[in-house]
Amino acid sequence: MRDGHEIDSRGVLEMKINMDQINACTREQFITWLGTIFEHSPWVAASASAARPFASVEALHDAMMNVVRESRVETIIDLFRAHPDLGTRLAVAEYSAIEQQGAGLDQLTADEYELFLGLNQTYVKSFGFPFIFAVRGKKKEDILAAMEARLWHSAAEEIEQALREIEKISGFRLRDLIME
């Protein structure tokens, strides 16, 4: 337990918090509670903490996305690279594991796994970072179709699309964690 809130062994906050708690907590608590919202990138929460107080979850999310968008290109690419391949059988961060399970990516057949693996490898060779997609509410077929379509994007288009996907993912995660 940290500061009255349960943090599990994976570093995931197990109970909802509210905006008053977010606005009143220490910088360290803020990073502990929100540091996993962006995949393996607690620096986003660390930077956004200085923008408090936030009027709403949306205002907090906007501040966090501004931190990302105002970062150097190399830092943004590092954020992209912190994301796992979709459909991987490797260990992934807890949020990613839950999200991928919801899309059925933990139940791929051998053929589907090979297809995802090949598309992931092609994507990484093309763009230099993993395919990023907000999988919540999607099926594996939706994800495959998006992967196949996005392989035709230019690098600039795909960087912008990856940022939009991260915005969706982080928004879902924040709304799951914070009650208003």
Protein backbone atom coordinates (compact mmCIF):
# COMPACT_ATOMS: atom_id res chain seq x y z
CA MET A 1 0.00 0.00 0.00
CA ARG A 2 1.25 3.46 -0.86
CA ASP A 3 -0.46 6.55 0.52
CA GLY A 4 -3.69 4.61 1.13
CA HIS A 5 -3.80 3.19 -2.40
CA GLU A 6 -2.98 -0.35 -3.39
CA ILE A 7 -0.16 -0.74 -5.91
CA ASP A 8 0.08 -4.34 -7.08
CA SER A 9 3.28 -6.24 -7.85
CA ARG A 10 3.04 -5.10 -11.49
CA GLY A 11 2.99 -1.43 -10.49
CA VAL A 12 -0.69 -0.97 -11.36
CA LEU A 13 -2.90 1.12 -9.09
CA GLU A 14 -5.69 -1.18 -8.00
CA MET A 15 -8.27 1.37 -6.93
CA LYS A 16 -9.72 4.44 -8.55
CA ILE A 17 -8.53 7.85 -7.54
CA ASN A 18 -10.19 11.19 -8.08
CA MET A 19 -9.07 14.53 -9.47
CA ASP A 20 -8.82 16.09 -5.99
CA GLN A 21 -6.31 13.39 -5.04
CA ILE A 22 -4.41 13.90 -8.31
CA ASN A 23 -4.20 17.63 -7.74
CA ALA A 24 -3.18 17.34 -4.06
CA CYS A 25 -0.66 14.50 -4.22
CA THR A 26 3.10 14.85 -4.22
CA ARG A 27 5.03 14.71 -7.46
CA GLU A 28 6.26 11.24 -6.49
CA GLN A 29 2.68 10.01 -5.86
CA PHE A 30 1.59 11.49 -9.18
CA ILE A 31 4.33 9.58 -10.99
CA THR A 32 3.53 6.37 -9.06
CA TRP A 33 -0.16 6.60 -9.89
CA LEU A 34 0.11 7.80 -13.49
CA GLY A 35 3.56 6.69 -14.61
CA THR A 36 2.27 3.58 -16.37
CA ILE A 37 -0.43 5.35 -18.42
CA PHE A 38 2.09 5.81 -21.25
CA GLU A 39 3.85 2.50 -21.97
CA HIS A 40 7.09 2.26 -19.93
CA SER A 41 7.32 6.08 -19.99
CA PRO A 42 6.90 7.61 -16.52
CA TRP A 43 8.65 10.73 -17.82
CA VAL A 44 5.31 11.83 -19.31
CA ALA A 45 3.65 11.86 -15.88
CA ALA A 46 6.73 13.45 -14.31
CA SER A 47 6.61 16.34 -16.77
CA ALA A 48 2.83 16.76 -16.63
CA SER A 49 2.75 16.91 -12.84
CA ALA A 50 3.96 20.53 -12.92
CA ALA A 51 0.82 21.61 -14.83
CA ARG A 52 -1.48 20.90 -11.87
CA PRO A 53 -4.19 21.58 -10.89
CA PHE A 54 -6.30 19.91 -13.54
CA ALA A 55 -10.02 20.66 -13.84
CA SER A 56 -10.86 17.24 -15.30
CA VAL A 57 -9.52 13.96 -16.59
CA GLU A 58 -9.64 15.49 -20.08
CA ALA A 59 -7.50 18.44 -18.94
CA LEU A 60 -5.00 16.04 -17.39
CA HIS A 61 -4.95 13.95 -20.56
CA ASP A 62 -4.45 17.05 -22.71
CA ALA A 63 -1.51 18.09 -20.53
CA MET A 64 0.06 14.64 -20.80
CA MET A 65 -0.41 14.57 -24.57
CA ASN A 66 1.11 18.06 -24.81
CA VAL A 67 4.20 16.74 -23.00
CA VAL A 68 4.47 13.99 -25.61
CA ARG A 69 3.78 16.19 -28.64
CA GLU A 70 6.24 18.86 -27.47
CA SER A 71 9.03 16.32 -26.99
CA ARG A 72 11.94 15.87 -29.36
CA VAL A 73 11.27 13.52 -32.25
CA GLU A 74 13.82 11.04 -30.84
CA THR A 75 11.94 10.98 -27.52
CA ILE A 76 8.62 10.38 -29.28
CA ILE A 77 10.15 7.52 -31.28
CA ASP A 78 11.50 6.06 -28.02
CA LEU A 79 7.95 6.22 -26.64
CA PHE A 80 6.74 4.35 -29.72
CA ARG A 81 9.47 1.75 -29.25
CA ALA A 82 8.35 1.17 -25.64
CA HIS A 83 5.15 -0.39 -27.00
CA PRO A 84 4.98 -4.15 -27.50
CA ASP A 85 4.25 -5.87 -30.78
CA LEU A 86 0.55 -6.69 -30.93
CA GLY A 87 -0.07 -10.41 -30.66
CA THR A 88 3.34 -11.09 -29.16
CA ARG A 89 3.85 -14.04 -26.88
CA LEU A 90 6.44 -12.14 -24.89
CA ALA A 91 5.67 -10.63 -21.49
CA VAL A 92 4.11 -7.18 -21.83
CA ALA A 93 3.11 -4.42 -19.40
CA GLU A 94 -0.09 -5.10 -17.46
CA TYR A 95 -2.20 -2.51 -19.27
CA SER A 96 -1.09 -3.90 -22.64
CA ALA A 97 -1.76 -7.48 -21.58
CA ILE A 98 -5.32 -6.64 -20.50
CA GLU A 99 -5.99 -4.64 -23.66
CA GLN A 100 -4.61 -7.35 -25.95
CA GLN A 101 -6.62 -10.04 -24.13
CA GLY A 102 -9.78 -7.99 -24.68
CA ALA A 103 -9.11 -8.07 -28.42
CA GLY A 104 -8.45 -11.82 -28.41
CA LEU A 105 -4.74 -11.44 -29.17
CA ASP A 106 -3.88 -13.88 -26.39
CA GLN A 107 -5.80 -16.61 -28.23
CA LEU A 108 -4.23 -16.51 -31.69
CA THR A 109 -3.95 -19.73 -33.62
CA ALA A 110 -0.47 -20.71 -34.79
CA ASP A 111 -1.25 -19.36 -38.28
CA GLU A 112 -2.64 -16.09 -36.91
CA TYR A 113 0.40 -15.69 -34.67
CA GLU A 114 2.71 -16.17 -37.67
CA LEU A 115 0.71 -13.60 -39.65
CA PHE A 116 0.92 -11.04 -36.82
CA LEU A 117 4.61 -11.78 -36.37
CA GLY A 118 5.32 -11.23 -40.06
CA LEU A 119 3.29 -8.04 -40.26
CA ASN A 120 4.92 -6.71 -37.07
CA GLN A 121 8.37 -7.40 -38.49
CA THR A 122 7.52 -5.73 -41.80
CA TYR A 123 6.07 -2.74 -39.98
CA VAL A 124 9.14 -2.32 -37.76
CA LYS A 125 11.44 -2.58 -40.81
CA SER A 126 9.37 0.09 -42.56
CA PHE A 127 8.97 2.57 -39.72
CA GLY A 128 11.53 1.73 -37.03
CA PHE A 129 9.00 1.21 -34.23
CA PRO A 130 6.21 -1.26 -33.41
CA PHE A 131 2.70 -0.99 -34.82
CA ILE A 132 0.62 0.97 -32.30
CA PHE A 133 -3.14 0.56 -32.27
CA ALA A 134 -5.80 1.22 -29.63
CA VAL A 135 -7.22 -2.29 -29.48
CA ARG A 136 -10.02 -1.64 -26.99
CA GLY A 137 -13.33 -2.63 -28.55
CA LYS A 138 -11.57 -4.17 -31.56
CA LYS A 139 -11.25 -7.74 -32.79
CA LYS A 140 -8.12 -9.37 -34.15
CA GLU A 141 -9.53 -9.00 -37.67
CA ASP A 142 -9.83 -5.22 -37.17
CA ILE A 143 -6.23 -5.06 -36.00
CA LEU A 144 -4.95 -7.12 -38.93
CA ALA A 145 -6.83 -4.92 -41.39
CA ALA A 146 -5.37 -1.78 -39.81
CA MET A 147 -1.85 -3.25 -39.89
CA GLU A 148 -2.15 -4.14 -43.55
CA ALA A 149 -3.55 -0.72 -44.47
CA ARG A 150 -1.06 1.30 -42.45
CA LEU A 151 1.95 -0.42 -44.02
CA TRP A 152 1.19 1.81 -47.03
CA HIS A 153 1.50 5.05 -45.02
CA SER A 154 4.42 7.41 -45.37
CA ALA A 155 6.69 7.73 -42.33
CA ALA A 156 5.19 11.14 -41.47
CA GLU A 157 1.63 9.80 -41.75
CA GLU A 158 2.47 6.83 -39.57
CA ILE A 159 4.14 8.94 -36.87
CA GLU A 160 1.01 11.07 -36.67
CA GLN A 161 -1.23 7.98 -36.65
CA ALA A 162 0.86 6.37 -33.90
CA LEU A 163 0.46 9.56 -31.83
CA ARG A 164 -3.33 9.45 -32.35
CA GLU A 165 -3.39 5.83 -31.24
CA ILE A 166 -1.32 6.62 -28.13
CA GLU A 167 -3.74 9.44 -27.38
CA LYS A 168 -6.65 6.96 -27.52
CA ILE A 169 -4.84 4.33 -25.44
CA SER A 170 -3.75 6.76 -22.73
CA GLY A 171 -7.23 8.31 -22.64
CA PHE A 172 -8.81 4.90 -22.03
CA ARG A 173 -6.30 4.15 -19.29
CA LEU A 174 -6.82 7.47 -17.51
CA ARG A 175 -10.61 7.16 -17.60
CA ASP A 176 -10.31 3.64 -16.18
CA LEU A 177 -8.13 4.87 -13.32
CA ILE A 178 -9.68 8.20 -12.34
CA MET A 179 -13.23 8.81 -11.21
CA GLU A 180 -14.67 12.27 -11.58
